[in-house]
Amino acid sequence: MLRSGPARSLARSTFRLTASPGSRKTSSLISHASKLLAPRTETIKRPASLAFTAYRPLSTSLQRHATATSGPPFDEPDKKELQQEKAISTEELTPHPEEVTSSSTVHQVFHEKSTPDVEKEEDMLAGVYGDLKVIKATFALEDVPREAFYIGMAGVLPYLATSLSTVYLAWDINHAALEGQGFLLSGESAELLLHIIEPLQMGYGAVIISFLGAIHWGLEWAKYGGTHGYRRYAYGVVAPAVAWPTLLLPVEYALIAQFSAFTFLYFADARAAVRGWAPPWYSTYRFVLTFVVGASIVISLIGRGQIADKISRLPGPGDRLKQLKESQVAALEEEERERRARVVAADELEEEEGDEDEEEE
């Protein structure tokens, strides 16, 4: 069974290793290798050298590892390593009491120091500062021409004025309802002023929405981004068609409808800027103006919501049309009654004249 050369060499090396006094540590490794190789030797057929070729690296590596007296564990350190060890041994330890805390010796295995992680806090603050810079750059509108910037900001002032006035008058009406007298105005005066401000805000909103649609007509005539015909003219047609009918609605519904119209026009203008139909800065410019107008409308709705049950609703255009129709019907009925009365009076007069003629005869 041990006719092949590799098998005989493995047996001899195993005998030498087990006989030597320093080989006890490797005896178990060699025995395990022999067990692995033993079943294979029973089925070996000639040529035997080919049968052991696949296992020769394993056997030789095990023998080399067991009998080695040189290599990385046994080599003497070179001069460079000796110099490094000498430099480390002569290095003087410096104390750092400021780094010693109650938890300085308790930290994770893979951490170098148990110090507070300041980098995360700095990254979080950097993110917040970056967001603030983006917001500041957005509202600064540096790319917008100064004329358009100043005129646009002046255009939102009426909205802010009417919204703040609505909030103050609502507060004064509530104060008058609780205390019996308003802070600066009486409850009746505050309600009268509120009914004057409401149509002003609604009418101004309709005008601004129509103006935003007309801008696209001007861009089409100027051939900015090319000519697009009816697709761009549609902006100027749809905007006033949506804006002006809101004046026929009650105040709350009119403001909500105009808020929706402003939002829709902003998305349309932003899309036009992306397509190249408007200047690149126009979408940011419209965002800032729409934000101010939308906030003003929301403030007005909140102010009116606080006094919805304390004031009488001002008749809107729809109510006035209904009153006009009813008054016209009443006038026609009155005219018909008067006509019938005249006819009856004329008939009675004719009958009296006929009776007098009969008496004379």
Protein backbone atom coordinates (compact mmCIF):
# COMPACT_ATOMS: atom_id res chain seq x y z
CA MET A 1 0.00 0.00 0.00
CA LEU A 2 2.97 2.33 0.52
CA ARG A 3 4.65 1.66 -2.77
CA SER A 4 4.41 5.23 -4.04
CA GLY A 5 7.11 7.70 -3.26
CA PRO A 6 4.90 10.43 -1.73
CA ALA A 7 3.26 7.96 0.63
CA ARG A 8 6.62 6.66 1.88
CA SER A 9 7.99 10.21 2.35
CA LEU A 10 4.91 11.20 4.32
CA ALA A 11 5.27 8.14 6.56
CA ARG A 12 8.94 8.82 7.22
CA SER A 13 8.27 12.49 8.04
CA THR A 14 5.46 11.47 10.34
CA PHE A 15 7.74 9.04 12.17
CA ARG A 16 10.45 11.66 12.62
CA LEU A 17 8.00 14.25 13.90
CA THR A 18 6.38 11.91 16.40
CA ALA A 19 9.76 10.72 17.61
CA SER A 20 11.17 14.20 18.21
CA PRO A 21 10.38 15.78 21.62
CA GLY A 22 9.41 19.16 20.16
CA SER A 23 6.84 17.82 17.79
CA ARG A 24 3.96 17.21 20.20
CA LYS A 25 2.30 20.42 19.18
CA THR A 26 2.15 19.35 15.56
CA SER A 27 1.33 15.68 16.08
CA SER A 28 -2.40 16.30 16.01
CA LEU A 29 -2.06 18.27 12.76
CA ILE A 30 -0.05 15.48 11.10
CA SER A 31 -2.43 12.80 12.32
CA HIS A 32 -5.35 14.75 10.90
CA ALA A 33 -3.53 15.01 7.56
CA SER A 34 -2.82 11.28 7.62
CA LYS A 35 -6.50 10.56 8.19
CA LEU A 36 -7.41 12.73 5.25
CA LEU A 37 -4.93 10.95 3.03
CA ALA A 38 -5.53 7.39 4.29
CA PRO A 39 -8.87 6.71 2.53
CA ARG A 40 -7.44 7.91 -0.75
CA THR A 41 -4.45 5.52 -0.59
CA GLU A 42 -6.70 2.47 -0.43
CA THR A 43 -8.17 3.13 -3.84
CA ILE A 44 -4.98 4.24 -5.57
CA LYS A 45 -4.33 2.63 -8.89
CA ARG A 46 -1.26 2.83 -11.05
CA PRO A 47 0.28 5.13 -11.90
CA ALA A 48 0.37 6.11 -8.20
CA SER A 49 2.19 9.40 -8.77
CA LEU A 50 -0.81 10.74 -10.68
CA ALA A 51 -3.22 9.76 -7.87
CA PHE A 52 -1.27 11.80 -5.28
CA THR A 53 -0.66 14.81 -7.50
CA ALA A 54 -3.84 16.64 -6.35
CA TYR A 55 -2.95 16.23 -2.66
CA ARG A 56 0.75 16.89 -2.78
CA PRO A 57 0.49 20.66 -2.09
CA LEU A 58 -1.51 19.97 1.05
CA SER A 59 0.88 17.36 2.40
CA THR A 60 4.03 19.35 1.59
CA SER A 61 2.59 22.56 3.02
CA LEU A 62 1.68 20.78 6.26
CA GLN A 63 5.12 19.24 6.51
CA ARG A 64 6.77 22.57 5.76
CA HIS A 65 4.69 24.34 8.41
CA ALA A 66 5.36 21.64 11.02
CA THR A 67 9.11 21.38 10.43
CA ALA A 68 9.90 25.04 9.68
CA THR A 69 12.55 26.77 11.76
CA SER A 70 12.64 30.00 9.76
CA GLY A 71 10.11 32.36 8.30
CA PRO A 72 8.10 35.29 9.60
CA PRO A 73 7.69 33.96 13.14
CA PHE A 74 11.35 32.89 13.43
CA ASP A 75 13.17 35.57 11.43
CA GLU A 76 15.23 38.08 13.32
CA PRO A 77 14.01 41.72 12.97
CA ASP A 78 15.89 43.89 10.53
CA LYS A 79 17.65 47.13 11.40
CA LYS A 80 14.69 49.33 10.50
CA GLU A 81 12.37 47.48 12.84
CA LEU A 82 14.97 47.63 15.62
CA GLN A 83 15.30 51.39 15.14
CA GLN A 84 11.54 51.85 15.29
CA GLU A 85 11.25 49.76 18.46
CA LYS A 86 14.11 51.70 20.03
CA ALA A 87 12.48 55.05 19.15
CA ILE A 88 9.20 53.92 20.65
CA SER A 89 10.87 52.63 23.80
CA THR A 90 12.66 55.93 24.36
CA GLU A 91 9.57 58.03 23.66
CA GLU A 92 8.37 59.89 26.72
CA LEU A 93 4.69 59.67 27.62
CA THR A 94 2.97 63.03 28.04
CA PRO A 95 -0.10 63.26 30.26
CA HIS A 96 -3.34 64.85 28.96
CA PRO A 97 -5.60 65.32 32.00
CA GLU A 98 -8.10 67.38 29.99
CA GLU A 99 -8.97 64.28 27.96
CA VAL A 100 -9.59 62.12 31.02
CA THR A 101 -13.27 61.92 31.96
CA SER A 102 -15.52 59.52 33.74
CA SER A 103 -16.23 57.82 30.43
CA SER A 104 -12.84 58.19 28.74
CA THR A 105 -11.93 54.55 29.34
CA VAL A 106 -15.36 53.28 28.29
CA HIS A 107 -15.84 53.40 24.57
CA GLN A 108 -16.53 51.16 21.64
CA VAL A 109 -13.92 48.67 20.53
CA PHE A 110 -13.37 50.27 17.12
CA HIS A 111 -13.26 53.86 18.40
CA GLU A 112 -9.98 55.58 18.98
CA LYS A 113 -11.17 57.94 21.69
CA SER A 114 -14.28 58.32 23.76
CA THR A 115 -14.71 61.98 22.94
CA PRO A 116 -17.94 63.70 21.89
CA ASP A 117 -18.69 63.39 18.20
CA VAL A 118 -18.56 67.04 17.18
CA GLU A 119 -18.52 66.37 13.45
CA LYS A 120 -22.21 65.37 13.34
CA GLU A 121 -23.26 68.55 15.11
CA GLU A 122 -21.19 70.62 12.70
CA ASP A 123 -22.70 68.80 9.71
CA MET A 124 -26.22 69.40 11.01
CA LEU A 125 -25.53 73.09 11.53
CA ALA A 126 -23.94 73.28 8.11
CA GLY A 127 -27.10 71.82 6.60
CA VAL A 128 -29.28 74.34 8.42
CA TYR A 129 -27.03 77.21 7.36
CA GLY A 130 -27.12 75.94 3.79
CA ASP A 131 -30.93 75.88 3.81
CA LEU A 132 -31.02 79.42 5.20
CA LYS A 133 -28.67 80.58 2.48
CA VAL A 134 -30.88 78.99 -0.18
CA ILE A 135 -33.98 80.72 1.25
CA LYS A 136 -32.15 84.03 1.46
CA ALA A 137 -30.91 83.72 -2.12
CA THR A 138 -34.42 82.81 -3.28
CA PHE A 139 -36.08 85.82 -1.71
CA ALA A 140 -33.21 88.16 -2.64
CA LEU A 141 -34.04 87.69 -6.34
CA GLU A 142 -30.57 88.75 -7.41
CA ASP A 143 -31.10 87.68 -11.04
CA VAL A 144 -34.35 89.63 -11.40
CA PRO A 145 -34.08 93.07 -13.01
CA ARG A 146 -34.38 95.77 -10.39
CA GLU A 147 -37.29 97.51 -12.11
CA ALA A 148 -39.37 94.33 -12.19
CA PHE A 149 -38.36 93.57 -8.60
CA TYR A 150 -39.43 96.95 -7.20
CA ILE A 151 -42.67 97.16 -9.19
CA GLY A 152 -43.60 93.58 -8.34
CA MET A 153 -43.03 94.11 -4.62
CA ALA A 154 -45.06 97.31 -4.79
CA GLY A 155 -47.83 95.34 -6.47
CA VAL A 156 -48.28 93.01 -3.48
CA LEU A 157 -48.60 95.88 -1.00
CA PRO A 158 -52.38 96.31 -1.57
CA TYR A 159 -52.86 92.64 -0.77
CA LEU A 160 -50.85 92.96 2.43
CA ALA A 161 -52.70 96.14 3.41
CA THR A 162 -56.17 94.64 2.89
CA SER A 163 -55.23 91.41 4.68
CA LEU A 164 -53.79 93.19 7.72
CA SER A 165 -56.79 95.52 7.79
CA THR A 166 -59.12 92.51 7.73
CA VAL A 167 -57.30 90.96 10.68
CA TYR A 168 -57.40 94.18 12.71
CA LEU A 169 -61.07 94.87 11.99
CA ALA A 170 -61.94 91.29 12.92
CA TRP A 171 -60.11 91.72 16.21
CA ASP A 172 -61.88 95.05 16.83
CA ILE A 173 -65.28 93.47 16.10
CA ASN A 174 -64.54 90.66 18.56
CA HIS A 175 -63.39 93.21 21.13
CA ALA A 176 -66.61 95.17 20.68
CA ALA A 177 -68.68 91.99 21.06
CA LEU A 178 -66.93 91.13 24.33
CA GLU A 179 -66.45 94.58 25.89
CA GLY A 180 -69.30 96.47 24.27
CA GLN A 181 -66.95 98.93 22.56
CA GLY A 182 -64.15 98.46 20.04
CA PHE A 183 -60.55 99.43 20.71
CA LEU A 184 -60.41 102.23 18.14
CA LEU A 185 -63.69 101.85 16.26
CA SER A 186 -67.16 100.82 17.21
CA GLY A 187 -68.44 97.43 16.14
CA GLU A 188 -70.72 98.97 13.48
CA SER A 189 -67.92 101.12 12.04
CA ALA A 190 -65.49 98.19 11.93
CA GLU A 191 -68.08 96.04 10.16
CA LEU A 192 -68.80 98.80 7.64
CA LEU A 193 -65.08 99.20 6.84
CA LEU A 194 -64.72 95.44 6.51
CA HIS A 195 -67.50 95.36 3.94
CA ILE A 196 -65.67 98.10 2.01
CA ILE A 197 -62.31 96.28 2.08
CA GLU A 198 -63.67 92.93 0.92
CA PRO A 199 -64.66 93.96 -2.64
CA LEU A 200 -61.42 95.93 -2.97
CA GLN A 201 -59.33 92.86 -2.27
CA MET A 202 -61.41 90.66 -4.55
CA GLY A 203 -61.36 93.17 -7.41
CA TYR A 204 -57.61 93.76 -7.09
CA GLY A 205 -57.02 89.99 -7.17
CA ALA A 206 -59.03 89.68 -10.39
CA VAL A 207 -57.00 92.48 -11.98
CA ILE A 208 -53.65 90.88 -11.00
CA ILE A 209 -54.68 87.45 -12.31
CA SER A 210 -55.69 89.00 -15.63
CA PHE A 211 -52.36 90.85 -15.78
CA LEU A 212 -50.39 87.64 -15.19
CA GLY A 213 -52.14 86.06 -18.15
CA ALA A 214 -51.52 89.08 -20.35
CA ILE A 215 -47.75 88.79 -19.77
CA HIS A 216 -47.70 85.74 -22.04
CA TRP A 217 -49.28 87.77 -24.82
CA GLY A 218 -46.42 90.24 -24.54
CA LEU A 219 -43.85 87.43 -24.62
CA GLU A 220 -45.53 86.02 -27.72
CA TRP A 221 -45.49 89.38 -29.46
CA ALA A 222 -41.83 89.86 -28.51
CA LYS A 223 -41.16 86.34 -29.89
CA TYR A 224 -39.32 85.36 -26.73
CA GLY A 225 -38.45 81.68 -27.13
CA GLY A 226 -40.04 81.64 -30.55
CA THR A 227 -43.65 81.94 -31.61
CA HIS A 228 -46.10 79.40 -30.21
CA GLY A 229 -49.45 80.77 -31.34
CA TYR A 230 -52.62 79.72 -29.61
CA ARG A 231 -50.85 77.67 -26.93
CA ARG A 232 -49.31 80.81 -25.44
CA TYR A 233 -52.30 83.03 -26.15
CA ALA A 234 -54.40 80.60 -24.12
CA TYR A 235 -52.71 81.79 -20.91
CA GLY A 236 -54.01 85.31 -21.46
CA VAL A 237 -57.52 84.06 -22.27
CA VAL A 238 -57.99 81.56 -19.44
CA ALA A 239 -56.67 83.85 -16.69
CA PRO A 240 -59.33 86.62 -16.90
CA ALA A 241 -62.02 84.04 -17.72
CA VAL A 242 -61.32 82.46 -14.32
CA ALA A 243 -60.62 85.67 -12.38
CA TRP A 244 -63.62 87.88 -13.06
CA PRO A 245 -66.44 85.39 -12.33
CA THR A 246 -65.06 85.07 -8.78
CA LEU A 247 -66.51 88.51 -8.06
CA LEU A 248 -69.98 86.96 -8.24
CA LEU A 249 -69.17 84.54 -5.39
CA PRO A 250 -69.33 85.18 -1.65
CA VAL A 251 -66.15 86.57 -0.14
CA GLU A 252 -64.76 83.34 1.27
CA TYR A 253 -65.36 81.34 -1.92
CA ALA A 254 -63.99 84.16 -4.06
CA LEU A 255 -60.74 84.33 -2.08
CA ILE A 256 -60.30 80.56 -2.22
CA ALA A 257 -60.93 80.55 -5.98
CA GLN A 258 -58.39 83.34 -6.52
CA PHE A 259 -55.84 81.53 -4.36
CA SER A 260 -56.26 78.47 -6.61
CA ALA A 261 -55.92 80.65 -9.71
CA PHE A 262 -52.68 82.23 -8.44
CA THR A 263 -51.24 78.77 -7.66
CA PHE A 264 -52.22 77.38 -11.07
CA LEU A 265 -50.68 80.38 -12.84
CA TYR A 266 -47.45 79.95 -10.87
CA PHE A 267 -47.07 76.35 -12.06
CA ALA A 268 -47.90 77.42 -15.62
CA ASP A 269 -45.30 80.21 -15.50
CA ALA A 270 -42.68 77.87 -14.01
CA ARG A 271 -43.33 75.39 -16.82
CA ALA A 272 -43.09 78.18 -19.38
CA ALA A 273 -39.69 79.20 -17.94
CA VAL A 274 -38.46 75.60 -18.19
CA ARG A 275 -39.59 75.42 -21.81
CA GLY A 276 -37.79 78.66 -22.61
CA TRP A 277 -40.99 80.66 -23.16
CA ALA A 278 -40.05 83.06 -20.34
CA PRO A 279 -36.78 84.31 -18.80
CA PRO A 280 -35.02 81.85 -16.46
CA TRP A 281 -35.51 84.11 -13.42
CA TYR A 282 -39.26 84.42 -14.00
CA SER A 283 -40.20 81.21 -12.14
CA THR A 284 -38.37 82.30 -8.97
CA TYR A 285 -39.79 85.80 -9.26
CA ARG A 286 -43.32 84.41 -9.57
CA PHE A 287 -42.77 82.05 -6.64
CA VAL A 288 -41.92 84.90 -4.27
CA LEU A 289 -44.85 87.06 -5.39
CA THR A 290 -47.27 84.11 -5.26
CA PHE A 291 -46.03 83.26 -1.78
CA VAL A 292 -46.77 86.77 -0.51
CA VAL A 293 -50.19 86.91 -2.18
CA GLY A 294 -51.14 83.42 -0.98
CA ALA A 295 -50.11 84.25 2.58
CA SER A 296 -52.20 87.43 2.42
CA ILE A 297 -55.28 85.51 1.25
CA VAL A 298 -54.84 82.93 4.02
CA ILE A 299 -54.55 85.72 6.61
CA SER A 300 -57.76 87.30 5.31
CA LEU A 301 -59.61 83.97 5.51
CA ILE A 302 -58.40 83.39 9.06
CA GLY A 303 -59.51 86.89 10.09
CA ARG A 304 -62.96 86.40 8.58
CA GLY A 305 -63.28 82.99 10.17
CA GLN A 306 -63.02 84.56 13.62
CA ILE A 307 -66.07 86.79 13.06
CA ALA A 308 -68.24 84.68 10.77
CA ASP A 309 -71.05 84.56 13.36
CA LYS A 310 -70.75 88.17 14.51
CA ILE A 311 -71.29 90.16 11.30
CA SER A 312 -73.94 90.32 8.67
CA ARG A 313 -72.93 89.11 5.26
CA LEU A 314 -72.48 91.83 2.72
CA PRO A 315 -74.69 91.21 -0.31
CA GLY A 316 -72.53 90.21 -3.22
CA PRO A 317 -73.06 90.75 -6.93
CA GLY A 318 -75.12 87.56 -7.12
CA ASP A 319 -77.36 88.79 -4.35
CA ARG A 320 -77.68 92.14 -6.07
CA LEU A 321 -78.65 90.45 -9.33
CA LYS A 322 -81.27 88.45 -7.49
CA GLN A 323 -82.60 91.59 -5.82
CA LEU A 324 -82.66 93.35 -9.18
CA LYS A 325 -84.64 90.51 -10.71
CA GLU A 326 -87.09 90.48 -7.84
CA SER A 327 -87.48 94.24 -8.00
CA GLN A 328 -88.13 94.07 -11.74
CA VAL A 329 -90.79 91.40 -11.21
CA ALA A 330 -92.37 93.49 -8.47
CA ALA A 331 -92.31 96.57 -10.72
CA LEU A 332 -93.99 94.63 -13.54
CA GLU A 333 -96.65 93.36 -11.18
CA GLU A 334 -97.26 96.87 -9.88
CA GLU A 335 -97.46 98.21 -13.41
CA GLU A 336 -99.95 95.47 -14.33
CA ARG A 337 -102.10 96.30 -11.33
CA GLU A 338 -102.11 99.98 -12.23
CA ARG A 339 -103.03 99.17 -15.84
CA ARG A 340 -105.88 96.99 -14.71
CA ALA A 341 -107.06 99.69 -12.33
CA ARG A 342 -107.06 102.21 -15.17
CA VAL A 343 -109.02 99.83 -17.38
CA VAL A 344 -111.57 99.23 -14.64
CA ALA A 345 -111.86 102.96 -13.99
CA ALA A 346 -112.37 103.60 -17.70
CA ASP A 347 -115.08 100.93 -17.88
CA GLU A 348 -116.85 102.36 -14.87
CA LEU A 349 -116.70 105.83 -16.40
CA GLU A 350 -118.24 104.57 -19.61
CA GLU A 351 -121.00 102.82 -17.71
CA GLU A 352 -121.80 105.99 -15.77
CA GLU A 353 -121.95 108.04 -18.96
CA GLY A 354 -124.28 105.45 -20.53
CA ASP A 355 -126.59 105.55 -17.52
CA GLU A 356 -126.74 109.36 -17.72
CA ASP A 357 -127.63 109.23 -21.42
CA GLU A 358 -130.44 106.79 -20.73
CA GLU A 359 -131.85 109.02 -18.00
CA GLU A 360 -131.86 112.05 -20.29
CA GLU A 361 -133.77 110.17 -22.93
